[in-house]
Protein backbone atom coordinates (compact mmCIF):
# COMPACT_ATOMS: atom_id res chain seq x y z
CA MET A 1 0.00 0.00 0.00
CA LEU A 2 1.38 3.42 -0.91
CA ARG A 3 1.76 6.03 1.81
CA PHE A 4 2.03 9.75 1.16
CA SER A 5 3.24 12.57 3.34
CA ARG A 6 1.37 15.79 4.00
CA ALA A 7 3.64 18.65 2.90
CA LEU A 8 3.78 21.79 4.98
CA LEU A 9 4.84 25.04 3.38
CA LEU A 10 6.67 27.25 5.86
CA GLY A 11 7.29 30.06 3.41
CA ALA A 12 6.89 32.82 5.96
CA LEU A 13 9.72 31.32 8.01
CA PHE A 14 11.96 29.74 5.39
CA GLY A 15 10.95 31.27 2.06
CA SER A 16 11.02 27.79 0.54
CA ALA A 17 8.86 26.15 -2.10
CA PRO A 18 6.34 23.42 -1.18
CA LEU A 19 7.86 19.99 -0.73
CA LEU A 20 6.91 17.08 -2.94
CA ALA A 21 5.28 14.08 -1.28
CA GLN A 22 7.57 11.04 -0.94
CA ASP A 23 6.22 7.58 -1.70
CA TYR A 24 6.97 5.00 0.98
CA ARG A 25 5.73 1.74 2.43
CA ILE A 26 5.44 1.04 6.16
CA GLU A 27 6.06 -2.51 7.35
CA THR A 28 5.63 -3.97 10.83
CA PHE A 29 9.12 -5.26 11.56
CA SER A 30 8.50 -6.45 15.14
CA GLU A 31 5.71 -6.29 17.71
CA GLY A 32 4.80 -7.34 21.24
CA LEU A 33 6.68 -4.53 23.01
CA GLU A 34 5.36 -2.64 26.03
CA HIS A 35 5.93 1.09 25.68
CA PRO A 36 9.23 0.80 23.79
CA TRP A 37 11.47 3.85 24.26
CA ALA A 38 14.69 3.46 22.28
CA MET A 39 16.44 1.13 19.84
CA ALA A 40 20.02 0.41 18.82
CA PHE A 41 21.32 -1.76 15.98
CA LEU A 42 23.83 -4.48 16.85
CA PRO A 43 26.64 -5.34 14.39
CA ASP A 44 25.25 -8.88 13.94
CA GLY A 45 21.97 -7.59 12.45
CA ARG A 46 19.92 -7.79 15.63
CA MET A 47 18.37 -4.85 17.47
CA LEU A 48 18.18 -3.82 21.12
CA VAL A 49 14.97 -2.14 22.29
CA THR A 50 14.26 -0.66 25.71
CA GLU A 51 10.81 -0.81 27.24
CA ARG A 52 10.01 2.02 29.62
CA VAL A 53 8.66 -0.53 32.10
CA GLY A 54 12.23 -1.67 32.75
CA ARG A 55 13.12 -4.33 30.20
CA LEU A 56 15.79 -4.52 27.52
CA ARG A 57 14.70 -6.71 24.62
CA ILE A 58 16.45 -8.32 21.66
CA VAL A 59 14.82 -8.26 18.22
CA GLU A 60 16.33 -10.82 15.87
CA ALA A 61 17.44 -9.92 12.35
CA ASP A 62 14.17 -11.35 10.96
CA GLY A 63 12.08 -9.15 13.31
CA SER A 64 11.13 -11.87 15.80
CA LEU A 65 11.17 -10.76 19.43
CA ASP A 66 13.21 -12.83 21.86
CA PRO A 67 10.66 -13.83 24.53
CA GLU A 68 13.22 -13.46 27.34
CA PRO A 69 14.41 -9.97 28.30
CA VAL A 70 18.14 -9.34 28.59
CA ALA A 71 19.35 -10.27 32.09
CA GLY A 72 21.30 -7.89 34.31
CA VAL A 73 19.39 -4.70 33.53
CA PRO A 74 19.41 -2.27 36.49
CA GLU A 75 16.21 -1.64 38.38
CA ALA A 76 14.59 1.59 37.27
CA PHE A 77 12.09 3.85 39.01
CA ILE A 78 8.94 3.37 36.94
CA ALA A 79 6.04 5.81 37.15
CA ALA A 80 4.41 8.18 34.63
CA GLN A 81 7.34 9.37 32.44
CA ALA A 82 9.96 7.58 34.55
CA GLY A 83 11.51 4.26 33.60
CA LEU A 84 14.17 2.69 31.40
CA MET A 85 14.97 5.04 28.54
CA GLU A 86 17.93 5.11 26.15
CA VAL A 87 20.18 2.32 24.92
CA ALA A 88 23.27 3.34 22.94
CA LEU A 89 26.29 1.40 21.70
CA ASP A 90 29.83 2.55 22.42
CA PRO A 91 31.60 3.93 19.33
CA ASP A 92 34.07 1.04 19.74
CA TYR A 93 31.40 -1.53 20.53
CA THR A 94 32.81 -4.23 18.24
CA ASP A 95 36.01 -4.15 20.31
CA ASN A 96 34.77 -3.50 23.86
CA ARG A 97 31.07 -4.59 23.92
CA TRP A 98 30.06 -1.61 26.07
CA LEU A 99 26.50 -0.33 25.84
CA TYR A 100 25.00 2.61 27.71
CA LEU A 101 21.61 2.87 29.40
CA SER A 102 19.76 5.86 30.81
CA TYR A 103 16.98 5.38 33.31
CA ALA A 104 15.12 7.05 36.16
CA HIS A 105 16.67 6.09 39.47
CA GLY A 106 15.31 6.43 43.00
CA SER A 107 11.83 6.72 44.47
CA LEU A 108 8.81 8.95 43.91
CA GLU A 109 10.10 11.27 46.64
CA ALA A 110 13.73 11.39 45.45
CA ASN A 111 14.78 10.50 41.88
CA ASN A 112 16.58 11.71 38.78
CA THR A 113 18.22 10.48 35.57
CA ARG A 114 21.04 7.95 35.84
CA LEU A 115 23.57 6.80 33.23
CA ALA A 116 25.19 3.37 33.38
CA ARG A 117 27.11 1.04 31.12
CA ALA A 118 27.58 -2.71 30.85
CA ARG A 119 28.92 -5.28 28.41
CA LEU A 120 26.54 -7.44 26.41
CA VAL A 121 27.86 -11.00 26.56
CA ASP A 122 25.75 -14.03 25.56
CA ASP A 123 22.64 -11.85 25.70
CA GLU A 124 23.28 -10.84 29.31
CA LEU A 125 24.70 -7.65 30.81
CA HIS A 126 28.03 -7.99 32.62
CA ASP A 127 30.51 -5.58 34.25
CA PHE A 128 27.73 -3.15 35.14
CA GLU A 129 28.90 0.35 36.15
CA VAL A 130 26.96 3.43 37.27
CA LEU A 131 28.61 6.41 35.54
CA PHE A 132 26.50 9.42 36.51
CA THR A 133 23.39 10.37 38.48
CA ALA A 134 21.89 13.81 37.90
CA GLN A 135 21.63 16.00 40.99
CA PRO A 136 19.71 16.99 42.94
CA LEU A 137 17.26 14.15 43.47
CA LYS A 138 13.74 15.53 43.24
CA ALA A 139 10.16 14.40 43.74
CA GLY A 140 7.69 13.54 40.99
CA ALA A 141 7.97 11.50 37.81
CA ALA A 142 8.39 13.93 34.90
CA HIS A 143 11.04 15.46 32.62
CA TYR A 144 14.09 13.20 32.55
CA GLY A 145 15.57 13.84 29.11
CA GLY A 146 17.60 10.63 28.77
CA ARG A 147 18.91 10.71 25.19
CA ILE A 148 22.58 9.98 24.43
CA ALA A 149 24.88 11.00 21.58
CA PHE A 150 28.61 10.59 20.99
CA LEU A 151 30.73 13.49 19.77
CA ALA A 152 33.69 13.40 17.39
CA ASP A 153 36.16 12.85 20.24
CA LYS A 154 34.02 9.91 21.48
CA THR A 155 32.89 11.72 24.60
CA LEU A 156 29.16 11.41 25.23
CA VAL A 157 26.43 13.93 25.86
CA LEU A 158 23.40 13.04 27.95
CA THR A 159 20.23 15.11 27.86
CA LEU A 160 18.37 15.93 31.05
CA GLY A 161 15.12 17.56 32.11
CA ASP A 162 14.09 20.26 34.56
CA GLY A 163 11.95 17.94 36.69
CA PHE A 164 8.81 19.91 35.69
CA ASP A 165 8.29 21.69 39.03
CA TRP A 166 11.86 23.02 39.17
CA ARG A 167 12.03 24.95 35.91
CA GLU A 168 13.92 27.92 37.40
CA GLU A 169 16.77 25.52 38.21
CA ALA A 170 17.46 25.18 34.46
CA GLN A 171 19.28 28.53 34.87
CA ASN A 172 21.26 27.41 37.93
CA PRO A 173 24.72 26.15 36.90
CA ALA A 174 25.21 24.50 40.30
CA ASN A 175 23.01 21.50 39.40
CA HIS A 176 22.01 19.27 36.49
CA LEU A 177 18.32 20.16 36.16
CA GLY A 178 17.50 21.41 32.66
CA LYS A 179 20.99 20.73 31.31
CA ILE A 180 22.89 18.70 28.74
CA VAL A 181 25.98 17.12 30.30
CA ARG A 182 29.16 15.84 28.64
CA LEU A 183 31.14 12.93 30.06
CA ASN A 184 33.98 10.67 29.12
CA ARG A 185 32.78 7.16 28.41
CA ASP A 186 33.98 5.97 31.84
CA GLY A 187 31.87 8.65 33.55
CA SER A 188 34.72 11.04 34.31
CA VAL A 189 34.50 14.73 33.42
CA PRO A 190 36.31 16.01 30.31
CA GLN A 191 38.71 18.72 31.38
CA ASP A 192 37.69 20.96 28.46
CA ASN A 193 34.03 21.15 29.48
CA PRO A 194 32.86 24.77 29.24
CA LEU A 195 32.16 25.42 32.94
CA ILE A 196 35.31 23.74 34.31
CA GLY A 197 36.88 26.07 36.85
CA GLN A 198 33.77 28.26 37.21
CA GLU A 199 33.06 28.61 40.93
CA GLY A 200 29.85 26.89 41.98
CA ALA A 201 29.20 25.30 38.58
CA ALA A 202 28.65 21.59 38.00
CA PRO A 203 31.63 20.49 35.89
CA GLU A 204 29.59 18.04 33.80
CA ILE A 205 27.45 20.78 32.22
CA TYR A 206 27.77 21.22 28.46
CA SER A 207 24.76 23.54 27.94
CA LEU A 208 21.95 24.89 30.12
CA GLY A 209 18.54 26.52 29.98
CA HIS A 210 16.65 23.46 28.73
CA ARG A 211 13.21 22.14 29.64
CA ASN A 212 13.05 18.44 28.67
CA VAL A 213 15.49 17.40 25.94
CA GLN A 214 14.33 14.14 24.37
CA GLY A 215 16.16 14.30 21.06
CA ILE A 216 19.85 14.73 20.30
CA PHE A 217 21.97 13.90 17.26
CA PHE A 218 25.58 14.62 16.37
CA ASP A 219 26.06 15.28 12.66
CA ALA A 220 29.68 14.16 12.33
CA GLU A 221 29.90 15.16 8.68
CA ASN A 222 29.23 18.81 9.50
CA ASP A 223 30.36 18.83 13.16
CA ARG A 224 26.94 19.98 14.40
CA LEU A 225 25.08 18.86 17.50
CA TYR A 226 21.30 19.20 17.17
CA SER A 227 18.73 18.72 19.91
CA HIS A 228 15.05 19.27 20.45
CA GLU A 229 13.07 19.72 23.62
CA HIS A 230 9.51 19.84 24.87
CA GLY A 231 7.97 23.21 25.55
CA PRO A 232 4.88 23.54 27.79
CA ARG A 233 1.81 24.51 25.72
CA GLY A 234 3.74 25.32 22.58
CA GLY A 235 7.32 26.37 22.35
CA ASP A 236 8.87 23.00 21.51
CA GLU A 237 12.34 23.83 20.19
CA LEU A 238 14.93 22.58 17.73
CA ASN A 239 18.36 23.86 18.80
CA LEU A 240 21.92 23.84 17.56
CA ILE A 241 23.92 23.02 20.67
CA GLU A 242 27.23 24.75 21.33
CA ALA A 243 29.41 24.27 24.38
CA GLY A 244 28.56 26.62 27.24
CA ASN A 245 25.52 28.21 25.62
CA ASN A 246 22.33 29.04 27.49
CA TYR A 247 19.10 28.13 25.63
CA GLY A 248 16.84 30.32 27.67
CA TRP A 249 14.31 28.17 29.54
CA PRO A 250 12.33 29.57 31.32
CA LEU A 251 13.54 33.15 30.79
CA ALA A 252 12.61 33.12 27.09
CA THR A 253 10.08 30.79 25.50
CA PHE A 254 7.38 30.67 22.84
CA GLY A 255 5.24 28.49 25.12
CA ILE A 256 2.70 29.28 27.83
CA ASP A 257 1.94 27.40 31.02
CA TYR A 258 -0.63 24.62 31.11
CA THR A 259 -2.84 26.92 33.19
CA GLY A 260 -2.78 29.46 30.37
CA ALA A 261 -0.53 31.79 32.36
CA ARG A 262 2.37 33.49 30.67
CA ILE A 263 5.75 32.00 31.65
CA SER A 264 7.84 34.85 30.27
CA PRO A 265 7.11 37.99 28.25
CA TYR A 266 10.23 37.25 26.18
CA THR A 267 10.79 34.90 23.27
CA GLU A 268 14.44 35.95 23.05
CA LEU A 269 16.93 37.82 25.19
CA PRO A 270 20.54 38.99 24.76
CA GLY A 271 23.04 36.30 25.71
CA LEU A 272 20.56 33.45 25.21
CA SER A 273 20.63 31.13 22.19
CA ALA A 274 17.44 31.26 20.14
CA PRO A 275 15.99 28.05 18.68
CA LEU A 276 16.45 27.19 15.02
CA LEU A 277 12.71 26.69 14.95
CA HIS A 278 9.86 26.18 17.39
CA TRP A 279 6.63 24.25 17.18
CA THR A 280 3.53 26.02 18.46
CA PRO A 281 1.14 24.40 19.16
CA SER A 282 3.26 21.67 20.67
CA VAL A 283 4.07 18.51 18.70
CA ALA A 284 5.90 16.89 21.69
CA PRO A 285 9.16 15.88 19.97
CA SER A 286 10.54 12.59 21.30
CA SER A 287 13.58 11.57 19.23
CA LEU A 288 15.89 13.02 16.60
CA THR A 289 18.03 11.59 13.81
CA LEU A 290 19.60 12.66 10.53
CA TYR A 291 19.29 10.68 7.31
CA ARG A 292 22.48 9.53 5.56
CA GLY A 293 21.09 6.38 3.92
CA GLU A 294 20.76 5.35 0.29
CA LEU A 295 17.12 4.23 0.08
CA PHE A 296 15.70 7.77 0.06
CA PRO A 297 18.14 10.02 -1.84
CA ASN A 298 15.88 13.08 -1.42
CA TRP A 299 16.08 12.74 2.35
CA ARG A 300 19.88 12.77 2.66
CA GLY A 301 21.10 15.35 5.14
CA ASP A 302 17.63 16.05 6.51
CA LEU A 303 16.62 15.84 10.17
CA PHE A 304 13.78 13.62 11.36
CA ALA A 305 11.97 14.35 14.63
CA ALA A 306 9.52 11.83 16.07
CA THR A 307 6.51 13.31 17.85
CA LEU A 308 4.06 12.12 20.49
CA ALA A 309 1.25 14.70 20.53
CA GLU A 310 1.17 15.17 16.76
CA ARG A 311 1.59 11.40 16.21
CA SER A 312 3.97 11.92 13.33
CA VAL A 313 7.56 12.31 12.25
CA ARG A 314 8.66 15.75 11.15
CA ARG A 315 11.11 15.79 8.25
CA ILE A 316 13.15 19.00 8.56
CA ARG A 317 14.94 19.89 5.34
CA VAL A 318 18.55 21.05 5.71
CA LEU A 319 20.22 22.71 2.71
CA ASP A 320 23.74 24.12 2.95
CA GLY A 321 23.46 24.14 6.72
CA MET A 322 20.19 26.10 6.70
CA LEU A 323 16.67 24.90 7.47
CA ALA A 324 14.54 24.85 4.33
CA GLY A 325 11.09 23.63 5.32
CA GLU A 326 9.23 20.72 6.89
CA GLU A 327 7.01 17.77 6.06
CA VAL A 328 4.69 15.92 8.40
CA LEU A 329 5.09 12.18 7.79
CA PHE A 330 3.28 9.03 8.93
CA GLU A 331 0.21 10.69 10.44
CA GLU A 332 -1.83 7.91 8.89
CA LEU A 333 -0.50 5.58 11.60
CA GLU A 334 -2.36 7.61 14.23
CA GLU A 335 0.20 6.48 16.81
CA ARG A 336 2.59 8.20 19.17
CA ILE A 337 6.11 7.78 17.77
CA ARG A 338 8.70 7.46 20.53
CA ASP A 339 11.88 6.83 18.53
CA VAL A 340 13.14 7.29 14.98
CA ARG A 341 16.43 5.79 13.74
CA ILE A 342 18.20 5.06 10.48
CA GLY A 343 18.94 1.36 10.09
CA PRO A 344 22.10 -0.10 8.56
CA ASP A 345 19.95 -0.95 5.53
CA GLY A 346 19.05 2.71 4.97
CA ALA A 347 15.44 2.22 6.06
CA LEU A 348 13.78 4.49 8.60
CA TYR A 349 12.78 2.63 11.78
CA LEU A 350 10.07 3.86 14.16
CA LEU A 351 8.96 2.82 17.65
CA THR A 352 5.28 3.25 18.50
CA ASP A 353 4.64 4.26 22.09
CA SER A 354 1.84 2.07 23.41
CA ALA A 355 1.17 -0.98 25.54
CA GLU A 356 1.27 -2.95 22.28
CA GLY A 357 4.25 -1.19 20.80
CA ARG A 358 5.79 -2.05 17.45
CA VAL A 359 8.97 -1.56 15.50
CA LEU A 360 8.04 -0.20 12.07
CA ARG A 361 10.26 -0.15 8.98
CA VAL A 362 9.83 2.54 6.31
CA VAL A 363 11.10 1.69 2.83
CA PRO A 364 10.46 3.09 -0.67
CA SER A 365 7.20 2.01 -2.22
CA GLU A 366 8.96 0.48 -5.24
């Protein structure tokens, strides 16, 4: 069955022509997952998938789901948005077998995002190490961030959230709320982090002034680090992340509070980095990738942002380093999309966020 995208013309913002619809076919690659959150492709053709409820699953190369979860996964705090989140392979995975997990750690009264690593050996986790726990611990079960990306020097960045009720702390460099942090792969702090030596600043901080960053991607070809984050009612942002920059939350935002109250009279302020684009009303962006595959030549170099509220994937055109328009894809699924990745085969892979979650594979229609 042919699927067609709905093109959005953003001429007022980008001055670009309407985008042509792209033919594609959506296949169910695997199913039987409970609120899947993230996926990673193993060198042997299999796939790892996290379930927010605390399980790490293996999907075989033919799409069949191993009935037994991976053993040795750390216990996560599971409630509302809290649970097991990202899985990411070390850049040297074929040599060292390290994989990284992010998850909510603690109790309802005291919790935050934790990063750990372990080796996958015979479908079990071994040599488990806790690398980092965001501070301070806070109450509630919202806004954890949790996405991981590796930079050119093989250090990693981990996205975090503001904990929802502690949004002002996103501007406080003494803690990790509302920040992106950068770590060495053993959990130590890189000595060239931007706030190293600044009195009272957490040395792990790479950027600050974020709300809930649930998408991050390092474009190695162009040495650019992109992220997106949830706004409140509106004001979801796509940002270009640079070391030490402040992205404004909650001092400057396009969003308003859920009560309808104004959070800030400012959408931009001197010294704060403005978003590349914002989505208002909110689309609730949940994952971010960049297409470098061969199956869809017209998509090469473009960003893809999965969304929860809009139940879509946004294709964001990038031409000569500039944004050039958007398309809304896969709305016909009518499902929350939690993760979007490019597979080794050049197909686009999606995770649907539901109690009967699926891995979907998007390929050309011919």
